[in-house]
Amino acid sequence: MDYLSNCVFVDESAFDINNMRPSTARYAKGTPAIVTTPSTRAVSHTILGAISAMDVVNIEIRLSDSKPKRIKADGSRKRKQRQPRKPASKGTITGHHMFFLQNSMNFMDQFPEIKGFYIVMDQCPNTHC
């Protein structure tokens, strides 16, 4: 097994696209720089990628189905909304990784140059399958 000739590396990266704004500002001399930053977290995005030393094999971006939690004002008291007993899984789960790996392997089988390559991945929480 040679990492530069017959391996495909699979990994994920999650980040918050909507909050990727600079937290600094520039104003005229003598006036204070006041910056308003978003207080709630935006919907996170996950990029799943499979690359080799020669090529990008497969790449996929997943949007989380979850929305930022909001507190509902119930009269004069603030209470969180009731959650279902078993909440639906949010974000990227093991099934998404398995589907991504199947698509990547099907794509690799179409090309004889990368057919039979080893798949190398780290042990992130979603890949315990």
N, C-alpha and C. Protein backbone atom coordinates (compact mmCIF):
# COMPACT_ATOMS: atom_id res chain seq x y z
N MET A 1 0.85 -1.17 0.00
CA MET A 1 0.00 0.00 0.00
C MET A 1 0.90 1.24 0.00
N ASP A 2 0.74 2.04 -1.02
CA ASP A 2 1.50 3.28 -1.17
C ASP A 2 0.51 4.45 -1.17
N TYR A 3 0.68 5.37 -0.23
CA TYR A 3 -0.28 6.46 -0.09
C TYR A 3 -0.36 7.36 -1.31
N LEU A 4 0.70 7.43 -2.09
CA LEU A 4 0.70 8.32 -3.25
C LEU A 4 0.23 7.65 -4.53
N SER A 5 0.10 6.32 -4.52
CA SER A 5 -0.25 5.67 -5.78
C SER A 5 -1.56 4.89 -5.74
N ASN A 6 -2.00 4.36 -4.60
CA ASN A 6 -3.21 3.54 -4.61
C ASN A 6 -4.10 3.73 -3.39
N CYS A 7 -4.26 4.96 -2.91
CA CYS A 7 -5.12 5.22 -1.76
C CYS A 7 -6.06 6.39 -2.06
N VAL A 8 -7.28 6.27 -1.53
CA VAL A 8 -8.27 7.34 -1.58
C VAL A 8 -8.59 7.71 -0.14
N PHE A 9 -8.50 8.98 0.18
CA PHE A 9 -8.73 9.45 1.55
C PHE A 9 -10.13 10.06 1.65
N VAL A 10 -10.88 9.64 2.67
CA VAL A 10 -12.24 10.11 2.88
C VAL A 10 -12.28 10.85 4.21
N ASP A 11 -12.87 12.05 4.22
CA ASP A 11 -12.99 12.81 5.46
C ASP A 11 -14.17 13.76 5.34
N GLU A 12 -14.53 14.35 6.47
CA GLU A 12 -15.62 15.32 6.50
C GLU A 12 -15.14 16.59 7.17
N SER A 13 -15.80 17.68 6.82
CA SER A 13 -15.52 18.96 7.44
C SER A 13 -16.84 19.68 7.64
N ALA A 14 -17.13 20.08 8.86
CA ALA A 14 -18.38 20.78 9.15
C ALA A 14 -18.07 22.22 9.53
N PHE A 15 -18.85 23.15 9.02
CA PHE A 15 -18.65 24.55 9.36
C PHE A 15 -19.94 25.32 9.17
N ASP A 16 -19.91 26.53 9.66
CA ASP A 16 -21.06 27.42 9.68
C ASP A 16 -20.87 28.49 8.61
N ILE A 17 -21.49 28.34 7.46
CA ILE A 17 -21.27 29.26 6.34
C ILE A 17 -21.77 30.67 6.65
N ASN A 18 -22.91 30.79 7.28
CA ASN A 18 -23.52 32.11 7.49
C ASN A 18 -22.75 32.99 8.45
N ASN A 19 -21.95 32.41 9.33
CA ASN A 19 -21.20 33.22 10.28
C ASN A 19 -19.75 33.42 9.85
N MET A 20 -19.46 33.25 8.58
CA MET A 20 -18.10 33.43 8.10
C MET A 20 -17.88 34.87 7.64
N ARG A 21 -18.22 35.79 8.48
CA ARG A 21 -18.01 37.21 8.21
C ARG A 21 -16.96 37.72 9.18
N PRO A 22 -16.18 38.68 8.76
CA PRO A 22 -15.19 39.21 9.70
C PRO A 22 -15.86 39.89 10.88
N SER A 23 -15.30 39.73 12.04
CA SER A 23 -15.88 40.34 13.24
C SER A 23 -15.27 41.71 13.53
N THR A 24 -14.53 42.24 12.60
CA THR A 24 -13.92 43.55 12.77
C THR A 24 -14.49 44.51 11.72
N ALA A 25 -14.39 45.79 12.01
CA ALA A 25 -14.88 46.80 11.07
C ALA A 25 -13.93 47.99 11.09
N ARG A 26 -14.01 48.80 10.04
CA ARG A 26 -13.17 50.00 9.96
C ARG A 26 -14.08 51.20 9.80
N TYR A 27 -13.84 52.18 10.61
CA TYR A 27 -14.61 53.41 10.55
C TYR A 27 -13.65 54.58 10.45
N ALA A 28 -14.21 55.74 10.22
CA ALA A 28 -13.39 56.95 10.12
C ALA A 28 -12.71 57.23 11.45
N LYS A 29 -11.61 57.94 11.39
CA LYS A 29 -10.84 58.24 12.59
C LYS A 29 -11.68 59.05 13.57
N GLY A 30 -11.66 58.63 14.82
CA GLY A 30 -12.37 59.33 15.86
C GLY A 30 -13.74 58.77 16.18
N THR A 31 -14.27 57.90 15.34
CA THR A 31 -15.57 57.28 15.62
C THR A 31 -15.34 55.83 16.04
N PRO A 32 -16.10 55.34 17.00
CA PRO A 32 -15.89 53.97 17.45
C PRO A 32 -16.38 52.95 16.41
N ALA A 33 -15.67 51.85 16.33
CA ALA A 33 -16.06 50.77 15.43
C ALA A 33 -16.98 49.83 16.19
N ILE A 34 -18.25 49.84 15.85
CA ILE A 34 -19.23 48.99 16.52
C ILE A 34 -19.67 47.93 15.51
N VAL A 35 -19.52 46.69 15.90
CA VAL A 35 -19.86 45.58 15.01
C VAL A 35 -20.95 44.76 15.65
N THR A 36 -21.98 44.46 14.90
CA THR A 36 -23.05 43.59 15.38
C THR A 36 -22.82 42.20 14.80
N THR A 37 -22.66 41.23 15.66
CA THR A 37 -22.46 39.86 15.20
C THR A 37 -23.72 39.06 15.46
N PRO A 38 -24.00 38.05 14.63
CA PRO A 38 -25.20 37.24 14.86
C PRO A 38 -25.10 36.47 16.16
N SER A 39 -26.19 36.44 16.91
CA SER A 39 -26.16 35.78 18.21
C SER A 39 -26.58 34.32 18.13
N THR A 40 -27.39 33.96 17.13
CA THR A 40 -27.79 32.57 17.01
C THR A 40 -26.90 31.87 16.00
N ARG A 41 -26.78 30.60 16.18
CA ARG A 41 -25.96 29.82 15.29
C ARG A 41 -26.76 29.48 14.04
N ALA A 42 -26.15 29.63 12.90
CA ALA A 42 -26.84 29.35 11.65
C ALA A 42 -26.81 27.84 11.37
N VAL A 43 -27.47 27.44 10.32
CA VAL A 43 -27.50 26.04 9.92
C VAL A 43 -26.11 25.63 9.48
N SER A 44 -25.61 24.53 10.01
CA SER A 44 -24.26 24.09 9.67
C SER A 44 -24.27 23.28 8.38
N HIS A 45 -23.16 23.30 7.69
CA HIS A 45 -22.98 22.58 6.44
C HIS A 45 -21.86 21.57 6.65
N THR A 46 -21.96 20.43 6.01
CA THR A 46 -20.94 19.40 6.11
C THR A 46 -20.48 19.05 4.71
N ILE A 47 -19.17 19.03 4.50
CA ILE A 47 -18.61 18.62 3.22
C ILE A 47 -17.98 17.25 3.42
N LEU A 48 -18.41 16.29 2.62
CA LEU A 48 -17.81 14.97 2.60
C LEU A 48 -16.96 14.89 1.34
N GLY A 49 -15.72 14.46 1.50
CA GLY A 49 -14.83 14.43 0.35
C GLY A 49 -14.02 13.16 0.28
N ALA A 50 -13.76 12.70 -0.94
CA ALA A 50 -12.90 11.55 -1.19
C ALA A 50 -11.87 11.98 -2.23
N ILE A 51 -10.59 12.00 -1.83
CA ILE A 51 -9.54 12.45 -2.74
C ILE A 51 -8.41 11.45 -2.76
N SER A 52 -7.68 11.43 -3.86
CA SER A 52 -6.45 10.65 -3.96
C SER A 52 -5.33 11.64 -4.25
N ALA A 53 -4.12 11.13 -4.39
CA ALA A 53 -2.99 12.01 -4.67
C ALA A 53 -3.09 12.59 -6.08
N MET A 54 -3.88 11.94 -6.94
CA MET A 54 -3.97 12.37 -8.33
C MET A 54 -5.22 13.18 -8.63
N ASP A 55 -6.33 12.87 -7.96
CA ASP A 55 -7.62 13.42 -8.35
C ASP A 55 -8.56 13.58 -7.17
N VAL A 56 -9.61 14.35 -7.39
CA VAL A 56 -10.75 14.39 -6.47
C VAL A 56 -11.71 13.32 -6.97
N VAL A 57 -11.99 12.32 -6.13
CA VAL A 57 -12.84 11.21 -6.54
C VAL A 57 -14.30 11.57 -6.40
N ASN A 58 -14.70 12.11 -5.25
CA ASN A 58 -16.10 12.44 -5.00
C ASN A 58 -16.15 13.53 -3.94
N ILE A 59 -17.13 14.41 -4.07
CA ILE A 59 -17.32 15.46 -3.07
C ILE A 59 -18.82 15.73 -2.96
N GLU A 60 -19.28 15.95 -1.73
CA GLU A 60 -20.71 16.16 -1.49
C GLU A 60 -20.86 17.15 -0.36
N ILE A 61 -21.82 18.06 -0.49
CA ILE A 61 -22.12 19.00 0.59
C ILE A 61 -23.50 18.67 1.12
N ARG A 62 -23.61 18.62 2.44
CA ARG A 62 -24.87 18.29 3.09
C ARG A 62 -25.30 19.47 3.96
N LEU A 63 -26.56 19.82 3.84
CA LEU A 63 -27.13 20.86 4.69
C LEU A 63 -27.84 20.19 5.85
N SER A 64 -27.66 20.71 7.02
CA SER A 64 -28.33 20.18 8.19
C SER A 64 -29.81 20.51 8.13
N ASP A 65 -30.66 19.59 8.57
CA ASP A 65 -32.10 19.82 8.58
C ASP A 65 -32.55 20.61 9.79
N SER A 66 -31.66 20.82 10.73
CA SER A 66 -32.05 21.50 11.96
C SER A 66 -32.05 23.01 11.78
N LYS A 67 -32.88 23.67 12.55
CA LYS A 67 -32.95 25.13 12.56
C LYS A 67 -32.52 25.60 13.94
N PRO A 68 -32.03 26.82 14.05
CA PRO A 68 -31.66 27.32 15.38
C PRO A 68 -32.85 27.28 16.33
N LYS A 69 -32.58 26.91 17.58
CA LYS A 69 -33.65 26.84 18.57
C LYS A 69 -34.11 28.24 18.94
N ARG A 70 -35.40 28.40 19.08
CA ARG A 70 -35.96 29.68 19.49
C ARG A 70 -36.77 29.44 20.75
N ILE A 71 -36.79 30.42 21.61
CA ILE A 71 -37.56 30.32 22.84
C ILE A 71 -38.90 31.00 22.60
N LYS A 72 -39.96 30.27 22.86
CA LYS A 72 -41.30 30.80 22.65
C LYS A 72 -41.76 31.48 23.93
N ALA A 73 -42.19 32.72 23.79
CA ALA A 73 -42.69 33.45 24.95
C ALA A 73 -44.12 33.00 25.21
N ASP A 74 -44.34 32.41 26.36
CA ASP A 74 -45.66 31.90 26.73
C ASP A 74 -46.19 32.79 27.85
N GLY A 75 -46.94 33.82 27.49
CA GLY A 75 -47.40 34.77 28.49
C GLY A 75 -46.25 35.64 28.94
N SER A 76 -46.04 35.72 30.23
CA SER A 76 -44.94 36.53 30.75
C SER A 76 -43.71 35.68 31.04
N ARG A 77 -43.79 34.37 30.82
CA ARG A 77 -42.66 33.49 31.09
C ARG A 77 -42.10 32.96 29.77
N LYS A 78 -40.81 32.81 29.73
CA LYS A 78 -40.17 32.22 28.56
C LYS A 78 -39.94 30.74 28.83
N ARG A 79 -40.42 29.91 27.94
CA ARG A 79 -40.24 28.47 28.08
C ARG A 79 -39.81 27.90 26.74
N LYS A 80 -39.00 26.88 26.81
CA LYS A 80 -38.60 26.20 25.58
C LYS A 80 -39.77 25.37 25.08
N GLN A 81 -39.85 25.24 23.76
CA GLN A 81 -40.91 24.42 23.18
C GLN A 81 -40.66 22.96 23.53
N ARG A 82 -41.74 22.21 23.65
CA ARG A 82 -41.60 20.79 23.96
C ARG A 82 -40.98 20.07 22.78
N GLN A 83 -40.06 19.19 23.10
CA GLN A 83 -39.40 18.38 22.09
C GLN A 83 -40.04 17.00 22.06
N PRO A 84 -40.08 16.34 20.91
CA PRO A 84 -40.61 14.97 20.89
C PRO A 84 -39.72 14.05 21.72
N ARG A 85 -40.29 12.93 22.17
CA ARG A 85 -39.55 12.03 23.05
C ARG A 85 -38.26 11.53 22.40
N LYS A 86 -38.35 11.11 21.16
CA LYS A 86 -37.16 10.66 20.46
C LYS A 86 -36.92 11.60 19.28
N PRO A 87 -36.03 12.57 19.44
CA PRO A 87 -35.84 13.53 18.36
C PRO A 87 -35.23 12.87 17.13
N ALA A 88 -35.63 13.34 15.98
CA ALA A 88 -35.06 12.84 14.74
C ALA A 88 -33.60 13.26 14.67
N SER A 89 -32.77 12.40 14.10
CA SER A 89 -31.35 12.71 14.03
C SER A 89 -31.14 13.89 13.09
N LYS A 90 -30.23 14.76 13.47
CA LYS A 90 -29.96 15.97 12.72
C LYS A 90 -28.56 15.87 12.13
N GLY A 91 -28.34 16.56 11.06
CA GLY A 91 -27.01 16.63 10.50
C GLY A 91 -26.62 15.38 9.73
N THR A 92 -25.33 15.14 9.67
CA THR A 92 -24.79 14.02 8.93
C THR A 92 -24.70 12.81 9.84
N ILE A 93 -25.35 11.73 9.46
CA ILE A 93 -25.37 10.52 10.28
C ILE A 93 -24.67 9.40 9.53
N THR A 94 -24.60 8.24 10.16
CA THR A 94 -23.88 7.11 9.59
C THR A 94 -24.44 6.71 8.24
N GLY A 95 -25.75 6.76 8.08
CA GLY A 95 -26.36 6.41 6.79
C GLY A 95 -25.89 7.30 5.66
N HIS A 96 -25.67 8.58 5.94
CA HIS A 96 -25.17 9.50 4.92
C HIS A 96 -23.75 9.12 4.52
N HIS A 97 -22.93 8.73 5.52
CA HIS A 97 -21.56 8.31 5.22
C HIS A 97 -21.56 7.04 4.38
N MET A 98 -22.42 6.09 4.73
CA MET A 98 -22.48 4.84 3.97
C MET A 98 -22.92 5.11 2.53
N PHE A 99 -23.90 5.96 2.34
CA PHE A 99 -24.37 6.31 1.00
C PHE A 99 -23.25 7.00 0.22
N PHE A 100 -22.51 7.89 0.87
CA PHE A 100 -21.40 8.57 0.22
C PHE A 100 -20.31 7.58 -0.17
N LEU A 101 -19.99 6.63 0.72
CA LEU A 101 -18.98 5.62 0.40
C LEU A 101 -19.42 4.73 -0.75
N GLN A 102 -20.69 4.33 -0.77
CA GLN A 102 -21.19 3.51 -1.88
C GLN A 102 -21.09 4.26 -3.20
N ASN A 103 -21.47 5.53 -3.20
CA ASN A 103 -21.36 6.33 -4.43
C ASN A 103 -19.90 6.47 -4.86
N SER A 104 -19.01 6.66 -3.90
CA SER A 104 -17.59 6.81 -4.23
C SER A 104 -17.04 5.52 -4.81
N MET A 105 -17.39 4.37 -4.21
CA MET A 105 -16.89 3.09 -4.72
C MET A 105 -17.48 2.78 -6.10
N ASN A 106 -18.74 3.10 -6.33
CA ASN A 106 -19.33 2.91 -7.66
C ASN A 106 -18.63 3.78 -8.69
N PHE A 107 -18.29 5.00 -8.30
CA PHE A 107 -17.58 5.90 -9.20
C PHE A 107 -16.18 5.38 -9.49
N MET A 108 -15.51 4.85 -8.45
CA MET A 108 -14.16 4.33 -8.63
C MET A 108 -14.15 3.10 -9.54
N ASP A 109 -15.21 2.29 -9.49
CA ASP A 109 -15.28 1.09 -10.32
C ASP A 109 -15.43 1.42 -11.80
N GLN A 110 -15.88 2.61 -12.13
CA GLN A 110 -16.07 2.99 -13.52
C GLN A 110 -14.75 3.30 -14.23
N PHE A 111 -13.71 3.61 -13.47
CA PHE A 111 -12.44 4.00 -14.05
C PHE A 111 -11.36 3.00 -13.67
N PRO A 112 -10.69 2.38 -14.65
CA PRO A 112 -9.68 1.37 -14.33
C PRO A 112 -8.45 1.96 -13.63
N GLU A 113 -8.22 3.28 -13.75
CA GLU A 113 -7.04 3.88 -13.11
C GLU A 113 -7.16 3.87 -11.58
N ILE A 114 -8.39 3.97 -11.06
CA ILE A 114 -8.56 4.02 -9.60
C ILE A 114 -9.36 2.84 -9.07
N LYS A 115 -9.64 1.86 -9.91
CA LYS A 115 -10.37 0.67 -9.46
C LYS A 115 -9.46 -0.16 -8.56
N GLY A 116 -9.96 -0.57 -7.42
CA GLY A 116 -9.18 -1.38 -6.49
C GLY A 116 -8.30 -0.58 -5.54
N PHE A 117 -8.46 0.72 -5.48
CA PHE A 117 -7.69 1.54 -4.55
C PHE A 117 -8.15 1.28 -3.11
N TYR A 118 -7.28 1.49 -2.16
CA TYR A 118 -7.62 1.39 -0.74
C TYR A 118 -8.34 2.66 -0.31
N ILE A 119 -9.32 2.52 0.57
CA ILE A 119 -10.03 3.68 1.12
C ILE A 119 -9.53 3.89 2.54
N VAL A 120 -8.99 5.08 2.80
CA VAL A 120 -8.44 5.42 4.11
C VAL A 120 -9.33 6.50 4.72
N MET A 121 -9.80 6.25 5.95
CA MET A 121 -10.64 7.24 6.63
C MET A 121 -10.31 7.26 8.11
N ASP A 122 -10.56 8.40 8.76
CA ASP A 122 -10.29 8.52 10.19
C ASP A 122 -11.48 7.98 10.98
N GLN A 123 -11.35 7.97 12.28
CA GLN A 123 -12.43 7.45 13.13
C GLN A 123 -13.22 8.59 13.74
N CYS A 124 -13.91 9.33 12.91
CA CYS A 124 -14.79 10.36 13.44
C CYS A 124 -16.06 9.69 13.96
N PRO A 125 -16.83 10.35 14.81
CA PRO A 125 -18.00 9.71 15.42
C PRO A 125 -19.01 9.15 14.42
N ASN A 126 -19.11 9.74 13.23
CA ASN A 126 -20.09 9.27 12.27
C ASN A 126 -19.65 8.03 11.51
N THR A 127 -18.38 7.67 11.58
CA THR A 127 -17.90 6.56 10.76
C THR A 127 -17.67 5.30 11.57
N HIS A 128 -18.38 5.10 12.66
CA HIS A 128 -18.26 3.86 13.43
C HIS A 128 -19.18 2.80 12.87
N CYS A 129 -19.08 2.56 11.59
CA CYS A 129 -19.98 1.59 10.98
C CYS A 129 -19.21 0.42 10.38
